[in-house]
C-alpha cells in the first residue's frame, strides 16, 4: 500500500491501516468527499521515560 487507501479498503483493513499509520507514517483515505489523513500522535498521558527514571533514582 502506498499510503493512499479508498474508503472501502480502509474499512476492510482497519488493523493494517492503523499499523501502517503507526509504523510508516500518515495514511490517506480517499472517498467521494475528499481525502482524509490518519496520523498517530504521541500519547502525552503516559509518563516520560526520563521523568520516570528520575523518580526512581536513589535520594541523598
N, C-alpha and C. Protein backbone atom coordinates (compact mmCIF):
# COMPACT_ATOMS: atom_id res chain seq x y z
N UNK A 1 0.86 -1.19 0.00
CA UNK A 1 0.00 0.00 0.00
C UNK A 1 0.90 1.24 0.00
N UNK A 2 0.56 2.21 -0.79
CA UNK A 2 1.39 3.40 -0.94
C UNK A 2 0.96 4.55 -0.02
N UNK A 3 0.14 4.28 0.97
CA UNK A 3 -0.30 5.34 1.88
C UNK A 3 -1.58 6.02 1.46
N UNK A 4 -2.17 5.60 0.33
CA UNK A 4 -3.46 6.13 -0.10
C UNK A 4 -4.43 4.96 -0.21
N UNK A 5 -5.51 5.04 0.54
CA UNK A 5 -6.50 3.98 0.61
C UNK A 5 -7.83 4.51 0.10
N UNK A 6 -8.63 3.64 -0.49
CA UNK A 6 -10.02 4.01 -0.74
C UNK A 6 -10.77 3.81 0.58
N UNK A 7 -11.93 4.38 0.69
CA UNK A 7 -12.69 4.21 1.94
C UNK A 7 -13.05 2.74 2.15
N UNK A 8 -13.32 2.01 1.08
CA UNK A 8 -13.63 0.58 1.20
C UNK A 8 -12.42 -0.21 1.66
N UNK A 9 -11.23 0.10 1.13
CA UNK A 9 -10.00 -0.58 1.56
C UNK A 9 -9.74 -0.31 3.04
N UNK A 10 -9.92 0.94 3.44
CA UNK A 10 -9.69 1.31 4.85
C UNK A 10 -10.66 0.58 5.76
N UNK A 11 -11.91 0.51 5.35
CA UNK A 11 -12.93 -0.17 6.14
C UNK A 11 -12.61 -1.65 6.30
N UNK A 12 -12.14 -2.27 5.25
CA UNK A 12 -11.86 -3.69 5.28
C UNK A 12 -10.52 -4.07 5.89
N UNK A 13 -9.65 -3.09 6.09
CA UNK A 13 -8.30 -3.34 6.59
C UNK A 13 -7.93 -2.39 7.72
N UNK A 14 -8.84 -2.16 8.64
CA UNK A 14 -8.61 -1.16 9.67
C UNK A 14 -7.35 -1.44 10.50
N UNK A 15 -7.13 -2.68 10.88
CA UNK A 15 -5.96 -3.02 11.68
C UNK A 15 -4.68 -2.69 10.92
N UNK A 16 -4.63 -3.07 9.67
CA UNK A 16 -3.45 -2.79 8.83
C UNK A 16 -3.27 -1.29 8.62
N UNK A 17 -4.36 -0.58 8.41
CA UNK A 17 -4.32 0.87 8.24
C UNK A 17 -3.72 1.54 9.47
N UNK A 18 -4.20 1.15 10.65
CA UNK A 18 -3.68 1.73 11.89
C UNK A 18 -2.21 1.39 12.09
N UNK A 19 -1.83 0.15 11.81
CA UNK A 19 -0.44 -0.28 11.96
C UNK A 19 0.48 0.52 11.02
N UNK A 20 0.04 0.71 9.79
CA UNK A 20 0.87 1.48 8.85
C UNK A 20 0.96 2.94 9.24
N UNK A 21 -0.10 3.49 9.79
CA UNK A 21 -0.04 4.88 10.26
C UNK A 21 0.97 4.99 11.40
N UNK A 22 1.05 3.95 12.23
CA UNK A 22 1.98 3.97 13.36
C UNK A 22 3.41 3.74 12.91
N UNK A 23 3.64 2.81 12.00
CA UNK A 23 5.00 2.42 11.64
C UNK A 23 5.58 3.15 10.43
N UNK A 24 4.73 3.51 9.47
CA UNK A 24 5.21 4.12 8.23
C UNK A 24 5.02 5.63 8.23
N UNK A 25 3.85 6.05 8.70
CA UNK A 25 3.55 7.48 8.69
C UNK A 25 2.11 7.71 8.29
N UNK A 26 1.74 8.95 8.10
CA UNK A 26 0.35 9.29 7.79
C UNK A 26 -0.19 8.50 6.60
N UNK A 27 -1.43 8.06 6.73
CA UNK A 27 -2.12 7.32 5.69
C UNK A 27 -3.29 8.18 5.20
N UNK A 28 -3.50 8.18 3.90
CA UNK A 28 -4.57 8.98 3.31
C UNK A 28 -5.72 8.06 2.90
N UNK A 29 -6.92 8.50 3.23
CA UNK A 29 -8.12 7.75 2.88
C UNK A 29 -8.95 8.64 1.96
N UNK A 30 -9.17 8.14 0.75
CA UNK A 30 -9.88 8.93 -0.26
C UNK A 30 -11.30 8.40 -0.40
N UNK A 31 -12.26 9.32 -0.38
CA UNK A 31 -13.64 8.97 -0.73
C UNK A 31 -14.21 10.08 -1.60
N UNK A 32 -15.49 10.01 -1.89
CA UNK A 32 -16.08 10.97 -2.83
C UNK A 32 -16.12 12.40 -2.28
N UNK A 33 -15.94 12.57 -0.98
CA UNK A 33 -15.98 13.92 -0.40
C UNK A 33 -14.60 14.54 -0.22
N UNK A 34 -13.55 13.76 -0.38
CA UNK A 34 -12.22 14.31 -0.23
C UNK A 34 -11.21 13.29 0.26
N UNK A 35 -10.08 13.78 0.73
CA UNK A 35 -9.02 12.93 1.25
C UNK A 35 -8.86 13.24 2.73
N UNK A 36 -8.86 12.17 3.53
CA UNK A 36 -8.69 12.29 4.97
C UNK A 36 -7.33 11.72 5.33
N UNK A 37 -6.64 12.34 6.28
CA UNK A 37 -5.32 11.89 6.67
C UNK A 37 -5.38 11.31 8.08
N UNK A 38 -4.89 10.08 8.20
CA UNK A 38 -4.82 9.42 9.50
C UNK A 38 -3.37 9.41 9.94
N UNK A 39 -3.10 10.01 11.09
CA UNK A 39 -1.74 10.00 11.61
C UNK A 39 -1.78 9.72 13.09
N UNK A 40 -0.67 9.23 13.60
CA UNK A 40 -0.56 8.90 15.01
C UNK A 40 0.07 10.07 15.74
N UNK A 41 -0.51 10.45 16.87
CA UNK A 41 0.06 11.48 17.71
C UNK A 41 0.55 10.84 19.00
N UNK A 42 1.55 11.46 19.60
CA UNK A 42 2.06 10.96 20.88
C UNK A 42 0.96 10.96 21.92
N UNK A 43 1.00 9.96 22.78
CA UNK A 43 0.06 9.87 23.89
C UNK A 43 0.72 10.53 25.10
N UNK A 44 0.43 11.80 25.30
CA UNK A 44 1.10 12.55 26.36
C UNK A 44 0.57 12.21 27.75
N UNK A 45 -0.40 11.29 27.83
CA UNK A 45 -0.90 10.89 29.15
C UNK A 45 0.05 9.90 29.81
N UNK A 46 0.94 9.29 29.03
CA UNK A 46 1.91 8.36 29.58
C UNK A 46 3.12 9.13 30.10
N UNK A 47 3.67 8.65 31.19
CA UNK A 47 4.83 9.31 31.77
C UNK A 47 6.03 9.22 30.84
N UNK A 48 6.81 10.29 30.80
CA UNK A 48 8.05 10.31 30.03
C UNK A 48 9.05 9.36 30.68
N UNK A 49 9.77 8.58 29.89
CA UNK A 49 10.72 7.59 30.42
C UNK A 49 11.79 8.24 31.29
N UNK A 50 12.32 9.38 30.85
CA UNK A 50 13.36 10.06 31.63
C UNK A 50 12.81 10.52 32.98
N UNK A 51 11.60 11.06 32.98
CA UNK A 51 11.00 11.50 34.24
C UNK A 51 10.78 10.33 35.17
N UNK A 52 10.34 9.21 34.64
CA UNK A 52 10.11 8.02 35.46
C UNK A 52 11.40 7.53 36.08
N UNK A 53 12.49 7.54 35.32
CA UNK A 53 13.78 7.09 35.85
C UNK A 53 14.29 8.03 36.93
N UNK A 54 14.07 9.33 36.74
CA UNK A 54 14.50 10.29 37.76
C UNK A 54 13.77 10.07 39.08
N UNK A 55 12.52 9.70 39.02
CA UNK A 55 11.75 9.45 40.24
C UNK A 55 12.26 8.21 40.97
N UNK A 56 12.85 7.26 40.25
CA UNK A 56 13.32 6.02 40.84
C UNK A 56 14.76 6.10 41.36
N UNK A 57 15.47 7.17 41.06
CA UNK A 57 16.87 7.27 41.47
C UNK A 57 16.99 7.37 42.98
N UNK A 58 18.10 6.89 43.54
CA UNK A 58 18.30 6.99 44.98
C UNK A 58 18.38 8.47 45.40
N UNK A 59 17.82 8.77 46.52
CA UNK A 59 17.84 10.14 47.03
C UNK A 59 18.91 10.28 48.09
N UNK A 60 19.58 11.42 48.10
CA UNK A 60 20.55 11.68 49.16
C UNK A 60 21.92 11.71 48.74
